[in-house]
Amino acid sequence: MLADVRVNHGTHAVVTDRRLDERTGDAEFFDANAVITAGPRTGDATDLAELRGVAPVSIPPVLIGSGVTVANAAELPFVAGVLVVANALREEGAWRTPVSTAKTASLLRTVALVLRDRT
């Protein structure tokens, strides 16, 4: 079971009064296999400072569900095991446009270099 602890559509009023570590703790209590976190809106980056405080102590693995870009991809593999990328790889960043081969290749190169240097 994947628990989305920061849904980025329609739940702002429901979850904004609770910190990410509290919501992650809830997911852990209910035996989630992994937690997904995201920025406040589709395409917005996840708050890395907040994520750094949660990922090392979270029992379930942390997945980043939105906001992954070439600009921030160098830091993200260090705090999350899975990066979900969608609109950042599309032409003009819009969901209705095709996936950009150049953007995809650039992101893959960035992550590959990070992972290579990490080992």
C-alpha atoms as a PDB file:
ATOM      1  CA  MET A   1       0.000   0.000   0.000  1.00  0.00           C
ATOM      2  CA  LEU A   2       1.304   3.442  -0.941  1.00  0.00           C
ATOM      3  CA  ALA A   3       0.194   6.283   1.331  1.00  0.00           C
ATOM      4  CA  ASP A   4       0.117   9.740  -0.227  1.00  0.00           C
ATOM      5  CA  VAL A   5       0.970  11.910   2.772  1.00  0.00           C
ATOM      6  CA  ARG A   6       0.899  15.161   0.863  1.00  0.00           C
ATOM      7  CA  VAL A   7      -1.784  14.994  -1.770  1.00  0.00           C
ATOM      8  CA  ASN A   8      -1.424  18.044  -3.957  1.00  0.00           C
ATOM      9  CA  HIS A   9      -5.048  18.501  -5.064  1.00  0.00           C
ATOM     10  CA  GLY A  10      -8.089  19.189  -2.972  1.00  0.00           C
ATOM     11  CA  THR A  11      -6.845  18.330   0.503  1.00  0.00           C
ATOM     12  CA  HIS A  12      -4.993  21.454   1.559  1.00  0.00           C
ATOM     13  CA  ALA A  13      -7.495  22.351   4.274  1.00  0.00           C
ATOM     14  CA  VAL A  14      -7.473  18.802   5.599  1.00  0.00           C
ATOM     15  CA  VAL A  15      -3.731  18.311   6.004  1.00  0.00           C
ATOM     16  CA  THR A  16      -2.135  21.737   6.356  1.00  0.00           C
ATOM     17  CA  ASP A  17      -2.542  21.702  10.117  1.00  0.00           C
ATOM     18  CA  ARG A  18      -0.291  18.631  10.410  1.00  0.00           C
ATOM     19  CA  ARG A  19       3.428  18.394   9.710  1.00  0.00           C
ATOM     20  CA  LEU A  20       4.837  15.948   7.175  1.00  0.00           C
ATOM     21  CA  ASP A  21       6.506  13.886   9.903  1.00  0.00           C
ATOM     22  CA  GLU A  22       3.135  13.438  11.630  1.00  0.00           C
ATOM     23  CA  ARG A  23       1.442  12.274   8.439  1.00  0.00           C
ATOM     24  CA  THR A  24       4.358   9.946   7.686  1.00  0.00           C
ATOM     25  CA  GLY A  25       4.048   8.525  11.191  1.00  0.00           C
ATOM     26  CA  ASP A  26       0.353   7.855  10.533  1.00  0.00           C
ATOM     27  CA  ALA A  27       1.222   5.978   7.343  1.00  0.00           C
ATOM     28  CA  GLU A  28       3.797   3.939   9.219  1.00  0.00           C
ATOM     29  CA  PHE A  29       1.266   3.138  11.976  1.00  0.00           C
ATOM     30  CA  PHE A  30      -1.200   1.855   9.370  1.00  0.00           C
ATOM     31  CA  ASP A  31       1.506  -0.358   7.784  1.00  0.00           C
ATOM     32  CA  ALA A  32       2.004   1.536   4.532  1.00  0.00           C
ATOM     33  CA  ASN A  33       4.649  -0.042   2.307  1.00  0.00           C
ATOM     34  CA  ALA A  34       5.826   3.399   1.189  1.00  0.00           C
ATOM     35  CA  VAL A  35       4.851   7.048   1.503  1.00  0.00           C
ATOM     36  CA  ILE A  36       4.484   9.546  -1.316  1.00  0.00           C
ATOM     37  CA  THR A  37       5.061  13.239  -0.797  1.00  0.00           C
ATOM     38  CA  ALA A  38       4.784  16.107  -3.250  1.00  0.00           C
ATOM     39  CA  GLY A  39       4.725  19.856  -3.531  1.00  0.00           C
ATOM     40  CA  PRO A  40       1.543  21.815  -2.889  1.00  0.00           C
ATOM     41  CA  ARG A  41       0.480  21.705  -6.570  1.00  0.00           C
ATOM     42  CA  THR A  42       1.305  19.458  -9.496  1.00  0.00           C
ATOM     43  CA  GLY A  43       4.818  20.263 -10.638  1.00  0.00           C
ATOM     44  CA  ASP A  44       5.753  22.165  -7.477  1.00  0.00           C
ATOM     45  CA  ALA A  45       8.842  20.840  -5.762  1.00  0.00           C
ATOM     46  CA  THR A  46       8.695  18.980  -2.489  1.00  0.00           C
ATOM     47  CA  ASP A  47      10.116  20.974   0.428  1.00  0.00           C
ATOM     48  CA  LEU A  48      13.589  19.400   0.702  1.00  0.00           C
ATOM     49  CA  ALA A  49      14.240  20.669   4.225  1.00  0.00           C
ATOM     50  CA  GLU A  50      11.037  19.059   5.459  1.00  0.00           C
ATOM     51  CA  LEU A  51      11.737  15.903   3.473  1.00  0.00           C
ATOM     52  CA  ARG A  52      15.260  15.616   4.902  1.00  0.00           C
ATOM     53  CA  GLY A  53      13.737  15.575   8.360  1.00  0.00           C
ATOM     54  CA  VAL A  54      11.341  12.747   7.505  1.00  0.00           C
ATOM     55  CA  ALA A  55      13.136  10.412   5.097  1.00  0.00           C
ATOM     56  CA  PRO A  56      15.918   9.191   7.419  1.00  0.00           C
ATOM     57  CA  VAL A  57      13.497   8.237  10.208  1.00  0.00           C
ATOM     58  CA  SER A  58      10.647   6.919   8.078  1.00  0.00           C
ATOM     59  CA  ILE A  59      10.277   3.142   8.187  1.00  0.00           C
ATOM     60  CA  PRO A  60       8.432   2.967   4.860  1.00  0.00           C
ATOM     61  CA  PRO A  61      10.499   4.217   1.898  1.00  0.00           C
ATOM     62  CA  VAL A  62       9.766   7.765   0.741  1.00  0.00           C
ATOM     63  CA  LEU A  63       8.729   8.466  -2.855  1.00  0.00           C
ATOM     64  CA  ILE A  64       8.675  11.965  -4.324  1.00  0.00           C
ATOM     65  CA  GLY A  65       5.481  12.280  -6.320  1.00  0.00           C
ATOM     66  CA  SER A  66       5.895  15.600  -8.127  1.00  0.00           C
ATOM     67  CA  GLY A  67       8.180  18.546  -8.670  1.00  0.00           C
ATOM     68  CA  VAL A  68      11.214  16.575  -9.856  1.00  0.00           C
ATOM     69  CA  THR A  69      13.220  18.617 -12.361  1.00  0.00           C
ATOM     70  CA  VAL A  70      16.727  18.618 -13.782  1.00  0.00           C
ATOM     71  CA  ALA A  71      17.486  21.537 -11.447  1.00  0.00           C
ATOM     72  CA  ASN A  72      16.665  19.643  -8.236  1.00  0.00           C
ATOM     73  CA  ALA A  73      17.305  16.045  -9.330  1.00  0.00           C
ATOM     74  CA  ALA A  74      20.876  16.108  -8.055  1.00  0.00           C
ATOM     75  CA  GLU A  75      19.681  16.334  -4.440  1.00  0.00           C
ATOM     76  CA  LEU A  76      16.594  14.139  -4.489  1.00  0.00           C
ATOM     77  CA  PRO A  77      18.088  10.628  -4.744  1.00  0.00           C
ATOM     78  CA  PHE A  78      19.803  11.264  -1.416  1.00  0.00           C
ATOM     79  CA  VAL A  79      16.504  11.701   0.407  1.00  0.00           C
ATOM     80  CA  ALA A  80      14.063   9.542  -1.541  1.00  0.00           C
ATOM     81  CA  GLY A  81      14.267   6.115  -3.107  1.00  0.00           C
ATOM     82  CA  VAL A  82      11.840   6.784  -5.954  1.00  0.00           C
ATOM     83  CA  LEU A  83      11.283   9.883  -8.060  1.00  0.00           C
ATOM     84  CA  VAL A  84       8.019  10.209  -9.972  1.00  0.00           C
ATOM     85  CA  VAL A  85       8.436  12.566 -12.909  1.00  0.00           C
ATOM     86  CA  ALA A  86       5.728  13.716 -15.267  1.00  0.00           C
ATOM     87  CA  ASN A  87       5.099  17.298 -16.355  1.00  0.00           C
ATOM     88  CA  ALA A  88       8.710  18.387 -15.916  1.00  0.00           C
ATOM     89  CA  LEU A  89       9.629  16.164 -18.862  1.00  0.00           C
ATOM     90  CA  ARG A  90       6.884  17.421 -21.157  1.00  0.00           C
ATOM     91  CA  GLU A  91       7.287  20.085 -23.788  1.00  0.00           C
ATOM     92  CA  GLU A  92       6.461  23.419 -22.158  1.00  0.00           C
ATOM     93  CA  GLY A  93       5.841  21.535 -18.876  1.00  0.00           C
ATOM     94  CA  ALA A  94       2.185  21.069 -19.807  1.00  0.00           C
ATOM     95  CA  TRP A  95       0.424  17.719 -19.396  1.00  0.00           C
ATOM     96  CA  ARG A  96      -1.199  18.003 -22.827  1.00  0.00           C
ATOM     97  CA  THR A  97       2.128  18.217 -24.648  1.00  0.00           C
ATOM     98  CA  PRO A  98       4.422  15.340 -25.641  1.00  0.00           C
ATOM     99  CA  VAL A  99       7.296  14.126 -23.489  1.00  0.00           C
ATOM    100  CA  SER A 100      10.523  15.887 -24.462  1.00  0.00           C
ATOM    101  CA  THR A 101      13.334  13.530 -25.423  1.00  0.00           C
ATOM    102  CA  ALA A 102      15.919  16.205 -24.588  1.00  0.00           C
ATOM    103  CA  LYS A 103      14.482  16.909 -21.122  1.00  0.00           C
ATOM    104  CA  THR A 104      14.216  13.195 -20.386  1.00  0.00           C
ATOM    105  CA  ALA A 105      17.817  12.554 -21.448  1.00  0.00           C
ATOM    106  CA  SER A 106      19.034  15.499 -19.360  1.00  0.00           C
ATOM    107  CA  LEU A 107      17.230  14.284 -16.240  1.00  0.00           C
ATOM    108  CA  LEU A 108      18.495  10.728 -16.692  1.00  0.00           C
ATOM    109  CA  ARG A 109      22.083  11.985 -17.131  1.00  0.00           C
ATOM    110  CA  THR A 110      21.803  14.074 -13.974  1.00  0.00           C
ATOM    111  CA  VAL A 111      20.444  11.223 -11.850  1.00  0.00           C
ATOM    112  CA  ALA A 112      22.951   8.747 -13.299  1.00  0.00           C
ATOM    113  CA  LEU A 113      25.858  11.042 -12.397  1.00  0.00           C
ATOM    114  CA  VAL A 114      24.506  11.548  -8.883  1.00  0.00           C
ATOM    115  CA  LEU A 115      24.062   7.831  -8.343  1.00  0.00           C
ATOM    116  CA  ARG A 116      27.498   7.060  -9.786  1.00  0.00           C
ATOM    117  CA  ASP A 117      29.162   9.592  -7.504  1.00  0.00           C
ATOM    118  CA  ARG A 118      27.172   8.306  -4.547  1.00  0.00           C
ATOM    119  CA  THR A 119      28.671   4.820  -4.732  1.00  0.00           C
END
